[in-house]
Amino acid sequence: MPRHLDATFGPGARNRLGEAGNPGREGALAALESFYYAFNQRDLDAFRQVWTSDPLAQLNNPLGGILRGGEAITALYERVFHGPARVTVTLGDIVEYSGAGHAVFAGRETGEYRVTETVPLSIRTTRFFAYEAGRWVQVHHHGSIDDAGALAAYQRAIRG
């Protein structure tokens, strides 16, 4: 049964990886919040733990196109974390679709990036988590920026 969450996850998100071992939906929410902690704090170790190592994990986003495998996904975000732009995002307007062993969170990321000036971001986002080997991990992400000009500017800022 889908449910609309009265929550946001952004720069104030906590590292809740220790709770991501809970097999219920609270564990999935802990993994989701931990992703936003890792992203906004540029914590590559936490980021790596949020994603599955499965070679078929998939990322479809404005920066990487389609990437497969936890290592390739982590490598892209390592470049983002250490690149010229500082990016922060908050996931809001979240709808959760969950059941035994899976959880999908769909919503909108809003935030900003800064190289020399601050530019707003708005990204349609879906994140799929699975309960795997005793913990929740992200296995798929899809993000899209609607405005072509905003997408091109973001890509230039991140790629340097």
C-alpha atoms as a PDB file:
ATOM      1  CA  MET A   1       0.000   0.000   0.000  1.00  0.00           C
ATOM      2  CA  PRO A   2       1.594   3.319  -1.004  1.00  0.00           C
ATOM      3  CA  ARG A   3       1.954   5.949   1.677  1.00  0.00           C
ATOM      4  CA  HIS A   4       2.915   9.601   1.570  1.00  0.00           C
ATOM      5  CA  LEU A   5       5.673  10.282   4.100  1.00  0.00           C
ATOM      6  CA  ASP A   6       5.650  13.324   6.317  1.00  0.00           C
ATOM      7  CA  ALA A   7       9.441  13.477   6.273  1.00  0.00           C
ATOM      8  CA  THR A   8      12.364  14.999   4.426  1.00  0.00           C
ATOM      9  CA  PHE A   9      15.969  13.865   4.228  1.00  0.00           C
ATOM     10  CA  GLY A  10      18.653  16.429   3.470  1.00  0.00           C
ATOM     11  CA  PRO A  11      21.748  18.095   4.954  1.00  0.00           C
ATOM     12  CA  GLY A  12      20.495  17.309   8.470  1.00  0.00           C
ATOM     13  CA  ALA A  13      20.086  13.589   7.712  1.00  0.00           C
ATOM     14  CA  ARG A  14      21.739  11.166  10.124  1.00  0.00           C
ATOM     15  CA  ASN A  15      23.991   8.199   9.510  1.00  0.00           C
ATOM     16  CA  ARG A  16      21.659   5.371  10.506  1.00  0.00           C
ATOM     17  CA  LEU A  17      23.512   2.506   8.858  1.00  0.00           C
ATOM     18  CA  GLY A  18      23.463   0.600  12.139  1.00  0.00           C
ATOM     19  CA  GLU A  19      19.652   0.549  11.934  1.00  0.00           C
ATOM     20  CA  ALA A  20      19.604  -0.536   8.271  1.00  0.00           C
ATOM     21  CA  GLY A  21      19.893  -4.150   9.452  1.00  0.00           C
ATOM     22  CA  ASN A  22      16.301  -4.044  10.711  1.00  0.00           C
ATOM     23  CA  PRO A  23      14.365  -6.177   8.179  1.00  0.00           C
ATOM     24  CA  GLY A  24      11.215  -4.034   8.456  1.00  0.00           C
ATOM     25  CA  ARG A  25      10.353  -0.720   6.826  1.00  0.00           C
ATOM     26  CA  GLU A  26      12.168   1.186   9.580  1.00  0.00           C
ATOM     27  CA  GLY A  27      15.389  -0.398   8.341  1.00  0.00           C
ATOM     28  CA  ALA A  28      14.622   0.727   4.796  1.00  0.00           C
ATOM     29  CA  LEU A  29      13.960   4.272   6.032  1.00  0.00           C
ATOM     30  CA  ALA A  30      17.261   4.164   7.945  1.00  0.00           C
ATOM     31  CA  ALA A  31      19.092   3.210   4.739  1.00  0.00           C
ATOM     32  CA  LEU A  32      17.333   6.006   2.823  1.00  0.00           C
ATOM     33  CA  GLU A  33      18.244   8.598   5.450  1.00  0.00           C
ATOM     34  CA  SER A  34      21.814   7.265   5.519  1.00  0.00           C
ATOM     35  CA  PHE A  35      22.076   7.838   1.767  1.00  0.00           C
ATOM     36  CA  TYR A  36      21.205  11.527   2.210  1.00  0.00           C
ATOM     37  CA  TYR A  37      23.627  11.769   5.116  1.00  0.00           C
ATOM     38  CA  ALA A  38      26.398  10.264   2.954  1.00  0.00           C
ATOM     39  CA  PHE A  39      25.607  12.485  -0.019  1.00  0.00           C
ATOM     40  CA  ASN A  40      25.298  15.781   1.819  1.00  0.00           C
ATOM     41  CA  GLN A  41      28.297  15.125   4.071  1.00  0.00           C
ATOM     42  CA  ARG A  42      30.367  13.755   1.177  1.00  0.00           C
ATOM     43  CA  ASP A  43      31.009  10.592   3.207  1.00  0.00           C
ATOM     44  CA  LEU A  44      32.246   8.042   0.683  1.00  0.00           C
ATOM     45  CA  ASP A  45      32.498   5.205   3.243  1.00  0.00           C
ATOM     46  CA  ALA A  46      28.842   5.600   4.250  1.00  0.00           C
ATOM     47  CA  PHE A  47      27.880   6.037   0.594  1.00  0.00           C
ATOM     48  CA  ARG A  48      29.583   2.762  -0.336  1.00  0.00           C
ATOM     49  CA  GLN A  49      27.727   0.940   2.462  1.00  0.00           C
ATOM     50  CA  VAL A  50      24.328   2.232   1.327  1.00  0.00           C
ATOM     51  CA  TRP A  51      24.716   0.720  -2.165  1.00  0.00           C
ATOM     52  CA  THR A  52      24.714  -2.985  -2.974  1.00  0.00           C
ATOM     53  CA  SER A  53      27.884  -4.392  -4.486  1.00  0.00           C
ATOM     54  CA  ASP A  54      25.828  -6.355  -7.022  1.00  0.00           C
ATOM     55  CA  PRO A  55      27.137  -5.785 -10.562  1.00  0.00           C
ATOM     56  CA  LEU A  56      23.567  -5.179 -11.775  1.00  0.00           C
ATOM     57  CA  ALA A  57      22.865  -2.323  -9.361  1.00  0.00           C
ATOM     58  CA  GLN A  58      21.868   0.541 -11.603  1.00  0.00           C
ATOM     59  CA  LEU A  59      22.084   4.317 -11.493  1.00  0.00           C
ATOM     60  CA  ASN A  60      20.231   6.395 -14.094  1.00  0.00           C
ATOM     61  CA  ASN A  61      20.906  10.051 -13.413  1.00  0.00           C
ATOM     62  CA  PRO A  62      21.829  13.382 -14.992  1.00  0.00           C
ATOM     63  CA  LEU A  63      25.551  12.978 -14.266  1.00  0.00           C
ATOM     64  CA  GLY A  64      26.352   9.362 -14.948  1.00  0.00           C
ATOM     65  CA  GLY A  65      23.806   8.374 -17.557  1.00  0.00           C
ATOM     66  CA  ILE A  66      23.339   4.657 -16.927  1.00  0.00           C
ATOM     67  CA  LEU A  67      25.936   3.046 -14.683  1.00  0.00           C
ATOM     68  CA  ARG A  68      25.901  -0.501 -13.364  1.00  0.00           C
ATOM     69  CA  GLY A  69      27.564  -1.929 -10.287  1.00  0.00           C
ATOM     70  CA  GLY A  70      28.215  -0.476  -6.860  1.00  0.00           C
ATOM     71  CA  GLU A  71      31.857   0.285  -7.663  1.00  0.00           C
ATOM     72  CA  ALA A  72      31.063   2.318 -10.804  1.00  0.00           C
ATOM     73  CA  ILE A  73      28.333   4.202  -8.938  1.00  0.00           C
ATOM     74  CA  THR A  74      30.653   4.950  -6.020  1.00  0.00           C
ATOM     75  CA  ALA A  75      33.391   6.099  -8.423  1.00  0.00           C
ATOM     76  CA  LEU A  76      31.015   8.631 -10.011  1.00  0.00           C
ATOM     77  CA  TYR A  77      30.044  10.056  -6.641  1.00  0.00           C
ATOM     78  CA  GLU A  78      33.668  10.187  -5.542  1.00  0.00           C
ATOM     79  CA  ARG A  79      34.232  12.569  -8.463  1.00  0.00           C
ATOM     80  CA  VAL A  80      31.139  14.572  -7.425  1.00  0.00           C
ATOM     81  CA  PHE A  81      32.277  14.746  -3.778  1.00  0.00           C
ATOM     82  CA  HIS A  82      35.769  15.924  -4.748  1.00  0.00           C
ATOM     83  CA  GLY A  83      34.802  18.022  -7.779  1.00  0.00           C
ATOM     84  CA  PRO A  84      34.551  21.785  -8.180  1.00  0.00           C
ATOM     85  CA  ALA A  85      30.885  22.102  -7.123  1.00  0.00           C
ATOM     86  CA  ARG A  86      29.431  21.718  -3.648  1.00  0.00           C
ATOM     87  CA  VAL A  87      26.015  20.052  -3.995  1.00  0.00           C
ATOM     88  CA  THR A  88      23.336  19.643  -1.328  1.00  0.00           C
ATOM     89  CA  VAL A  89      19.901  18.083  -1.784  1.00  0.00           C
ATOM     90  CA  THR A  90      16.842  17.290   0.279  1.00  0.00           C
ATOM     91  CA  LEU A  91      14.361  14.577  -0.658  1.00  0.00           C
ATOM     92  CA  GLY A  92      10.769  15.610   0.001  1.00  0.00           C
ATOM     93  CA  ASP A  93       7.195  14.916  -1.142  1.00  0.00           C
ATOM     94  CA  ILE A  94       8.067  11.231  -0.704  1.00  0.00           C
ATOM     95  CA  VAL A  95       5.751   8.374  -1.581  1.00  0.00           C
ATOM     96  CA  GLU A  96       6.815   4.989  -0.205  1.00  0.00           C
ATOM     97  CA  TYR A  97       5.971   1.689  -1.868  1.00  0.00           C
ATOM     98  CA  SER A  98       7.205  -1.152   0.314  1.00  0.00           C
ATOM     99  CA  GLY A  99       6.722  -4.806   1.048  1.00  0.00           C
ATOM    100  CA  ALA A 100       8.668  -7.811   2.230  1.00  0.00           C
ATOM    101  CA  GLY A 101      12.293  -7.263   1.278  1.00  0.00           C
ATOM    102  CA  HIS A 102      11.833  -4.201  -0.942  1.00  0.00           C
ATOM    103  CA  ALA A 103      11.110  -0.490  -0.652  1.00  0.00           C
ATOM    104  CA  VAL A 104      10.773   2.227  -3.280  1.00  0.00           C
ATOM    105  CA  PHE A 105      10.870   5.909  -2.366  1.00  0.00           C
ATOM    106  CA  ALA A 106       9.777   8.399  -5.032  1.00  0.00           C
ATOM    107  CA  GLY A 107       9.813  12.146  -4.608  1.00  0.00           C
ATOM    108  CA  ARG A 108      11.574  15.352  -5.501  1.00  0.00           C
ATOM    109  CA  GLU A 109      15.067  16.412  -4.534  1.00  0.00           C
ATOM    110  CA  THR A 110      15.457  20.128  -4.082  1.00  0.00           C
ATOM    111  CA  GLY A 111      18.697  21.800  -3.246  1.00  0.00           C
ATOM    112  CA  GLU A 112      21.537  23.714  -4.750  1.00  0.00           C
ATOM    113  CA  TYR A 113      25.039  23.581  -6.065  1.00  0.00           C
ATOM    114  CA  ARG A 114      27.749  26.171  -5.835  1.00  0.00           C
ATOM    115  CA  VAL A 115      30.938  26.759  -7.754  1.00  0.00           C
ATOM    116  CA  THR A 116      31.130  30.563  -7.838  1.00  0.00           C
ATOM    117  CA  GLU A 117      27.429  31.261  -7.358  1.00  0.00           C
ATOM    118  CA  THR A 118      24.576  29.313  -5.821  1.00  0.00           C
ATOM    119  CA  VAL A 119      22.209  27.668  -8.311  1.00  0.00           C
ATOM    120  CA  PRO A 120      18.970  25.864  -7.335  1.00  0.00           C
ATOM    121  CA  LEU A 121      18.384  22.196  -8.171  1.00  0.00           C
ATOM    122  CA  SER A 122      15.149  20.274  -8.694  1.00  0.00           C
ATOM    123  CA  ILE A 123      15.391  16.564  -9.525  1.00  0.00           C
ATOM    124  CA  ARG A 124      12.630  13.946  -9.870  1.00  0.00           C
ATOM    125  CA  THR A 125      13.955  10.975  -7.921  1.00  0.00           C
ATOM    126  CA  THR A 126      13.171   7.311  -7.363  1.00  0.00           C
ATOM    127  CA  ARG A 127      15.290   5.081  -5.120  1.00  0.00           C
ATOM    128  CA  PHE A 128      14.823   1.310  -4.837  1.00  0.00           C
ATOM    129  CA  PHE A 129      16.128  -0.576  -1.789  1.00  0.00           C
ATOM    130  CA  ALA A 130      16.272  -4.315  -1.132  1.00  0.00           C
ATOM    131  CA  TYR A 131      16.946  -6.298   2.012  1.00  0.00           C
ATOM    132  CA  GLU A 132      20.114  -8.198   1.146  1.00  0.00           C
ATOM    133  CA  ALA A 133      22.489 -10.214   3.346  1.00  0.00           C
ATOM    134  CA  GLY A 134      21.021  -8.832   6.572  1.00  0.00           C
ATOM    135  CA  ARG A 135      20.732  -5.131   5.672  1.00  0.00           C
ATOM    136  CA  TRP A 136      18.905  -2.698   3.424  1.00  0.00           C
ATOM    137  CA  VAL A 137      20.895  -1.516   0.407  1.00  0.00           C
ATOM    138  CA  GLN A 138      20.109   0.652  -2.571  1.00  0.00           C
ATOM    139  CA  VAL A 139      19.919  -1.309  -5.811  1.00  0.00           C
ATOM    140  CA  HIS A 140      18.538   1.292  -8.218  1.00  0.00           C
ATOM    141  CA  HIS A 141      18.242   5.060  -8.551  1.00  0.00           C
ATOM    142  CA  HIS A 142      16.650   7.164 -11.250  1.00  0.00           C
ATOM    143  CA  GLY A 143      16.872  10.942 -11.245  1.00  0.00           C
ATOM    144  CA  SER A 144      15.837  13.462 -13.905  1.00  0.00           C
ATOM    145  CA  ILE A 145      16.095  17.219 -14.281  1.00  0.00           C
ATOM    146  CA  ASP A 146      13.144  18.554 -16.278  1.00  0.00           C
ATOM    147  CA  ASP A 147      14.660  21.792 -17.584  1.00  0.00           C
ATOM    148  CA  ALA A 148      17.237  21.144 -20.350  1.00  0.00           C
ATOM    149  CA  GLY A 149      19.118  24.401 -19.662  1.00  0.00           C
ATOM    150  CA  ALA A 150      19.311  23.680 -15.939  1.00  0.00           C
ATOM    151  CA  LEU A 151      20.512  20.137 -16.705  1.00  0.00           C
ATOM    152  CA  ALA A 152      23.293  21.365 -19.005  1.00  0.00           C
ATOM    153  CA  ALA A 153      24.446  23.969 -16.453  1.00  0.00           C
ATOM    154  CA  TYR A 154      24.501  21.362 -13.662  1.00  0.00           C
ATOM    155  CA  GLN A 155      26.489  18.910 -15.773  1.00  0.00           C
ATOM    156  CA  ARG A 156      29.052  21.623 -16.655  1.00  0.00           C
ATOM    157  CA  ALA A 157      29.402  22.653 -13.004  1.00  0.00           C
ATOM    158  CA  ILE A 158      29.951  19.100 -11.767  1.00  0.00           C
ATOM    159  CA  ARG A 159      32.286  18.049 -14.550  1.00  0.00           C
ATOM    160  CA  GLY A 160      34.379  21.198 -14.217  1.00  0.00           C
END
